[in-house]
Amino acid sequence: MGSNRIEELAAPAVPEANDFAELEGIGPRIHDILRDAGITTFAQLAATPVARIRQILANAEVKFPVSAPDTWPEQARLAAEFRWAELDQLKKTLKAGVRTGPPLER
């Protein structure tokens, strides 16, 4: 009985998964593809190069139009830092992951 408790204490902490639907351009299918690739948190997505995200999508052989992932790491960084107002402002300048409005003032 004691060994199970030791195993629980020794188990590495798994970061809680985030809901990528909070980000503009990511729907349920892309959300699942990213998770299957091991990207489960905003911080992980923020640290993932766009080229790697494109490779993940290519490997998943997505059969539907996908939003451009160019802004996903930036959006994820804002979410990871709990900068929700800035994220909302950024999302207003995006359509399918592409900037359509003026750049944000920082």
N, C-alpha and C. Protein backbone atom coordinates (compact mmCIF):
# COMPACT_ATOMS: atom_id res chain seq x y z
N MET A 1 0.82 -1.19 0.00
CA MET A 1 0.00 0.00 0.00
C MET A 1 0.87 1.25 0.00
N GLY A 2 1.96 1.26 0.74
CA GLY A 2 2.84 2.40 0.81
C GLY A 2 3.54 2.72 -0.50
N SER A 3 3.84 1.71 -1.32
CA SER A 3 4.58 1.95 -2.56
C SER A 3 3.77 2.76 -3.57
N ASN A 4 2.44 2.60 -3.58
CA ASN A 4 1.62 3.40 -4.49
C ASN A 4 1.72 4.88 -4.15
N ARG A 5 1.73 5.19 -2.86
CA ARG A 5 1.83 6.59 -2.43
C ARG A 5 3.17 7.18 -2.84
N ILE A 6 4.24 6.38 -2.72
CA ILE A 6 5.57 6.83 -3.13
C ILE A 6 5.58 7.09 -4.64
N GLU A 7 4.98 6.20 -5.42
CA GLU A 7 4.92 6.39 -6.88
C GLU A 7 4.15 7.66 -7.23
N GLU A 8 3.07 7.93 -6.49
CA GLU A 8 2.30 9.16 -6.74
C GLU A 8 3.15 10.39 -6.49
N LEU A 9 3.91 10.37 -5.40
CA LEU A 9 4.74 11.51 -5.06
C LEU A 9 5.89 11.68 -6.04
N ALA A 10 6.39 10.58 -6.60
CA ALA A 10 7.53 10.63 -7.51
C ALA A 10 7.12 10.94 -8.94
N ALA A 11 5.84 10.82 -9.24
CA ALA A 11 5.38 11.05 -10.62
C ALA A 11 5.57 12.52 -10.99
N PRO A 12 6.12 12.78 -12.17
CA PRO A 12 6.31 14.18 -12.58
C PRO A 12 4.97 14.86 -12.79
N ALA A 13 4.94 16.13 -12.50
CA ALA A 13 3.72 16.91 -12.69
C ALA A 13 3.46 17.09 -14.18
N VAL A 14 2.24 16.83 -14.58
CA VAL A 14 1.85 17.01 -15.98
C VAL A 14 1.14 18.35 -16.09
N PRO A 15 1.60 19.22 -17.00
CA PRO A 15 0.93 20.51 -17.10
C PRO A 15 -0.53 20.33 -17.51
N GLU A 16 -1.38 21.14 -16.93
CA GLU A 16 -2.80 21.08 -17.27
C GLU A 16 -2.98 21.54 -18.71
N ALA A 17 -3.81 20.83 -19.45
CA ALA A 17 -4.06 21.17 -20.85
C ALA A 17 -4.89 22.45 -20.94
N ASN A 18 -4.61 23.23 -21.95
CA ASN A 18 -5.37 24.46 -22.20
C ASN A 18 -6.30 24.25 -23.38
N ASP A 19 -7.30 25.10 -23.48
CA ASP A 19 -8.27 25.04 -24.56
C ASP A 19 -7.83 25.96 -25.69
N PHE A 20 -7.27 25.37 -26.75
CA PHE A 20 -6.77 26.16 -27.87
C PHE A 20 -7.88 26.84 -28.65
N ALA A 21 -9.13 26.51 -28.37
CA ALA A 21 -10.25 27.18 -29.04
C ALA A 21 -10.29 28.66 -28.65
N GLU A 22 -9.58 29.03 -27.59
CA GLU A 22 -9.47 30.44 -27.19
C GLU A 22 -8.69 31.25 -28.22
N LEU A 23 -7.95 30.56 -29.08
CA LEU A 23 -7.10 31.23 -30.06
C LEU A 23 -7.79 31.30 -31.41
N GLU A 24 -7.63 32.43 -32.09
CA GLU A 24 -8.25 32.61 -33.40
C GLU A 24 -7.56 31.70 -34.40
N GLY A 25 -8.37 30.97 -35.17
CA GLY A 25 -7.84 30.11 -36.23
C GLY A 25 -7.66 28.66 -35.85
N ILE A 26 -7.93 28.31 -34.60
CA ILE A 26 -7.79 26.92 -34.17
C ILE A 26 -9.17 26.39 -33.79
N GLY A 27 -9.60 25.40 -34.55
CA GLY A 27 -10.87 24.74 -34.28
C GLY A 27 -10.63 23.40 -33.60
N PRO A 28 -11.70 22.64 -33.41
CA PRO A 28 -11.60 21.37 -32.68
C PRO A 28 -10.62 20.37 -33.30
N ARG A 29 -10.60 20.26 -34.62
CA ARG A 29 -9.72 19.27 -35.25
C ARG A 29 -8.25 19.66 -35.08
N ILE A 30 -7.92 20.93 -35.29
CA ILE A 30 -6.54 21.37 -35.12
C ILE A 30 -6.14 21.25 -33.65
N HIS A 31 -7.07 21.57 -32.76
CA HIS A 31 -6.86 21.40 -31.31
C HIS A 31 -6.40 19.96 -31.03
N ASP A 32 -7.12 18.99 -31.59
CA ASP A 32 -6.79 17.58 -31.38
C ASP A 32 -5.45 17.20 -32.01
N ILE A 33 -5.17 17.73 -33.20
CA ILE A 33 -3.90 17.44 -33.88
C ILE A 33 -2.72 17.94 -33.04
N LEU A 34 -2.84 19.15 -32.52
CA LEU A 34 -1.76 19.69 -31.69
C LEU A 34 -1.57 18.85 -30.43
N ARG A 35 -2.66 18.45 -29.81
CA ARG A 35 -2.57 17.61 -28.61
C ARG A 35 -1.91 16.27 -28.92
N ASP A 36 -2.30 15.68 -30.06
CA ASP A 36 -1.71 14.40 -30.45
C ASP A 36 -0.20 14.53 -30.67
N ALA A 37 0.23 15.74 -31.04
CA ALA A 37 1.66 16.00 -31.25
C ALA A 37 2.37 16.35 -29.94
N GLY A 38 1.63 16.35 -28.84
CA GLY A 38 2.24 16.61 -27.54
C GLY A 38 2.19 18.06 -27.10
N ILE A 39 1.53 18.91 -27.87
CA ILE A 39 1.39 20.32 -27.50
C ILE A 39 0.05 20.46 -26.81
N THR A 40 0.09 20.68 -25.50
CA THR A 40 -1.16 20.69 -24.73
C THR A 40 -1.40 21.99 -23.97
N THR A 41 -0.40 22.84 -23.90
CA THR A 41 -0.55 24.07 -23.13
C THR A 41 -0.25 25.29 -24.00
N PHE A 42 -0.76 26.43 -23.57
CA PHE A 42 -0.46 27.68 -24.26
C PHE A 42 1.05 27.92 -24.27
N ALA A 43 1.72 27.65 -23.17
CA ALA A 43 3.17 27.87 -23.09
C ALA A 43 3.91 27.00 -24.09
N GLN A 44 3.49 25.75 -24.25
CA GLN A 44 4.13 24.88 -25.23
C GLN A 44 3.91 25.39 -26.65
N LEU A 45 2.68 25.79 -26.94
CA LEU A 45 2.38 26.30 -28.28
C LEU A 45 3.15 27.59 -28.54
N ALA A 46 3.26 28.44 -27.54
CA ALA A 46 4.01 29.69 -27.69
C ALA A 46 5.47 29.43 -28.02
N ALA A 47 6.01 28.33 -27.51
CA ALA A 47 7.43 28.00 -27.73
C ALA A 47 7.67 27.17 -28.99
N THR A 48 6.61 26.83 -29.70
CA THR A 48 6.74 26.00 -30.90
C THR A 48 6.92 26.88 -32.13
N PRO A 49 8.01 26.69 -32.87
CA PRO A 49 8.20 27.48 -34.09
C PRO A 49 7.09 27.19 -35.12
N VAL A 50 6.74 28.22 -35.87
CA VAL A 50 5.68 28.09 -36.88
C VAL A 50 6.02 26.97 -37.86
N ALA A 51 7.29 26.83 -38.22
CA ALA A 51 7.69 25.75 -39.15
C ALA A 51 7.34 24.38 -38.57
N ARG A 52 7.52 24.21 -37.28
CA ARG A 52 7.18 22.94 -36.63
C ARG A 52 5.67 22.73 -36.64
N ILE A 53 4.91 23.78 -36.40
CA ILE A 53 3.45 23.66 -36.43
C ILE A 53 3.01 23.25 -37.83
N ARG A 54 3.59 23.88 -38.85
CA ARG A 54 3.25 23.52 -40.24
C ARG A 54 3.58 22.04 -40.51
N GLN A 55 4.70 21.56 -39.98
CA GLN A 55 5.09 20.16 -40.16
C GLN A 55 4.10 19.23 -39.47
N ILE A 56 3.66 19.60 -38.28
CA ILE A 56 2.67 18.80 -37.56
C ILE A 56 1.39 18.70 -38.38
N LEU A 57 0.94 19.81 -38.94
CA LEU A 57 -0.27 19.82 -39.75
C LEU A 57 -0.08 18.98 -41.01
N ALA A 58 1.09 19.07 -41.64
CA ALA A 58 1.37 18.28 -42.84
C ALA A 58 1.39 16.79 -42.50
N ASN A 59 2.00 16.44 -41.39
CA ASN A 59 2.06 15.04 -40.98
C ASN A 59 0.68 14.47 -40.67
N ALA A 60 -0.22 15.33 -40.24
CA ALA A 60 -1.58 14.89 -39.92
C ALA A 60 -2.43 14.72 -41.18
N GLU A 61 -1.86 15.13 -42.31
CA GLU A 61 -2.56 15.01 -43.60
C GLU A 61 -3.96 15.60 -43.53
N VAL A 62 -4.02 16.82 -43.05
CA VAL A 62 -5.29 17.53 -42.93
C VAL A 62 -5.91 17.67 -44.33
N LYS A 63 -7.18 17.32 -44.42
CA LYS A 63 -7.88 17.33 -45.72
C LYS A 63 -8.82 18.51 -45.88
N PHE A 64 -8.67 19.53 -45.06
CA PHE A 64 -9.55 20.69 -45.13
C PHE A 64 -8.70 21.95 -45.03
N PRO A 65 -9.23 23.08 -45.46
CA PRO A 65 -8.45 24.32 -45.35
C PRO A 65 -8.14 24.63 -43.89
N VAL A 66 -6.92 25.02 -43.66
CA VAL A 66 -6.46 25.32 -42.30
C VAL A 66 -6.07 26.78 -42.22
N SER A 67 -6.40 27.39 -41.13
CA SER A 67 -5.95 28.76 -40.88
C SER A 67 -4.43 28.79 -40.86
N ALA A 68 -3.87 29.91 -41.22
CA ALA A 68 -2.42 30.07 -41.17
C ALA A 68 -1.97 30.07 -39.71
N PRO A 69 -0.99 29.25 -39.37
CA PRO A 69 -0.56 29.16 -37.97
C PRO A 69 0.44 30.25 -37.56
N ASP A 70 0.69 31.21 -38.42
CA ASP A 70 1.74 32.20 -38.16
C ASP A 70 1.55 32.96 -36.84
N THR A 71 0.33 33.21 -36.45
CA THR A 71 0.09 33.98 -35.22
C THR A 71 -0.25 33.10 -34.01
N TRP A 72 -0.34 31.81 -34.20
CA TRP A 72 -0.71 30.94 -33.08
C TRP A 72 0.26 31.04 -31.91
N PRO A 73 1.59 31.00 -32.14
CA PRO A 73 2.49 31.13 -30.99
C PRO A 73 2.34 32.48 -30.27
N GLU A 74 2.14 33.54 -31.03
CA GLU A 74 1.96 34.86 -30.41
C GLU A 74 0.69 34.90 -29.57
N GLN A 75 -0.40 34.37 -30.13
CA GLN A 75 -1.65 34.32 -29.38
C GLN A 75 -1.49 33.46 -28.13
N ALA A 76 -0.83 32.32 -28.29
CA ALA A 76 -0.63 31.40 -27.17
C ALA A 76 0.22 32.04 -26.08
N ARG A 77 1.22 32.84 -26.45
CA ARG A 77 2.05 33.53 -25.47
C ARG A 77 1.20 34.48 -24.63
N LEU A 78 0.34 35.24 -25.30
CA LEU A 78 -0.54 36.15 -24.56
C LEU A 78 -1.45 35.38 -23.61
N ALA A 79 -2.00 34.27 -24.08
CA ALA A 79 -2.87 33.46 -23.22
C ALA A 79 -2.09 32.86 -22.06
N ALA A 80 -0.88 32.37 -22.32
CA ALA A 80 -0.06 31.77 -21.27
C ALA A 80 0.28 32.80 -20.19
N GLU A 81 0.39 34.06 -20.60
CA GLU A 81 0.71 35.14 -19.66
C GLU A 81 -0.55 35.80 -19.08
N PHE A 82 -1.72 35.22 -19.37
CA PHE A 82 -3.01 35.72 -18.88
C PHE A 82 -3.27 37.15 -19.33
N ARG A 83 -2.81 37.49 -20.51
CA ARG A 83 -3.00 38.83 -21.07
C ARG A 83 -4.22 38.78 -22.00
N TRP A 84 -5.37 38.50 -21.41
CA TRP A 84 -6.60 38.24 -22.16
C TRP A 84 -7.07 39.45 -22.95
N ALA A 85 -6.97 40.64 -22.41
CA ALA A 85 -7.42 41.85 -23.13
C ALA A 85 -6.57 42.04 -24.39
N GLU A 86 -5.26 41.84 -24.28
CA GLU A 86 -4.39 41.97 -25.44
C GLU A 86 -4.69 40.88 -26.47
N LEU A 87 -4.96 39.68 -25.98
CA LEU A 87 -5.30 38.59 -26.89
C LEU A 87 -6.59 38.93 -27.64
N ASP A 88 -7.58 39.43 -26.93
CA ASP A 88 -8.84 39.81 -27.58
C ASP A 88 -8.62 40.87 -28.65
N GLN A 89 -7.77 41.86 -28.35
CA GLN A 89 -7.46 42.91 -29.33
C GLN A 89 -6.75 42.31 -30.54
N LEU A 90 -5.80 41.42 -30.32
CA LEU A 90 -5.09 40.78 -31.42
C LEU A 90 -6.06 39.98 -32.29
N LYS A 91 -6.95 39.22 -31.65
CA LYS A 91 -7.89 38.39 -32.41
C LYS A 91 -8.78 39.24 -33.31
N LYS A 92 -9.06 40.48 -32.91
CA LYS A 92 -9.89 41.36 -33.74
C LYS A 92 -9.17 41.76 -35.03
N THR A 93 -7.85 41.59 -35.07
CA THR A 93 -7.08 41.95 -36.27
C THR A 93 -6.80 40.74 -37.15
N LEU A 94 -7.33 39.58 -36.78
CA LEU A 94 -7.02 38.34 -37.48
C LEU A 94 -8.23 37.74 -38.18
N LYS A 95 -7.96 37.09 -39.30
CA LYS A 95 -8.96 36.27 -39.98
C LYS A 95 -8.23 35.05 -40.49
N ALA A 96 -8.66 33.87 -40.05
CA ALA A 96 -8.02 32.61 -40.41
C ALA A 96 -6.53 32.64 -40.08
N GLY A 97 -6.19 33.29 -38.97
CA GLY A 97 -4.81 33.32 -38.51
C GLY A 97 -3.94 34.38 -39.16
N VAL A 98 -4.49 35.14 -40.08
CA VAL A 98 -3.73 36.15 -40.81
C VAL A 98 -4.17 37.53 -40.36
N ARG A 99 -3.20 38.42 -40.18
CA ARG A 99 -3.53 39.80 -39.80
C ARG A 99 -4.25 40.49 -40.94
N THR A 100 -5.39 41.07 -40.61
CA THR A 100 -6.16 41.83 -41.59
C THR A 100 -6.29 43.28 -41.19
N GLY A 101 -5.96 43.57 -39.95
CA GLY A 101 -6.07 44.93 -39.43
C GLY A 101 -4.70 45.49 -39.14
N PRO A 102 -4.70 46.70 -38.62
CA PRO A 102 -3.41 47.32 -38.27
C PRO A 102 -2.74 46.57 -37.13
N PRO A 103 -1.43 46.63 -37.04
CA PRO A 103 -0.75 45.96 -35.93
C PRO A 103 -1.15 46.56 -34.59
N LEU A 104 -1.06 45.77 -33.57
CA LEU A 104 -1.39 46.23 -32.23
C LEU A 104 -0.37 47.24 -31.75
N GLU A 105 -0.83 48.22 -30.99
CA GLU A 105 0.08 49.14 -30.33
C GLU A 105 0.58 48.48 -29.06
N ARG A 106 1.85 48.57 -28.79
CA ARG A 106 2.41 47.92 -27.59
C ARG A 106 2.92 48.94 -26.64
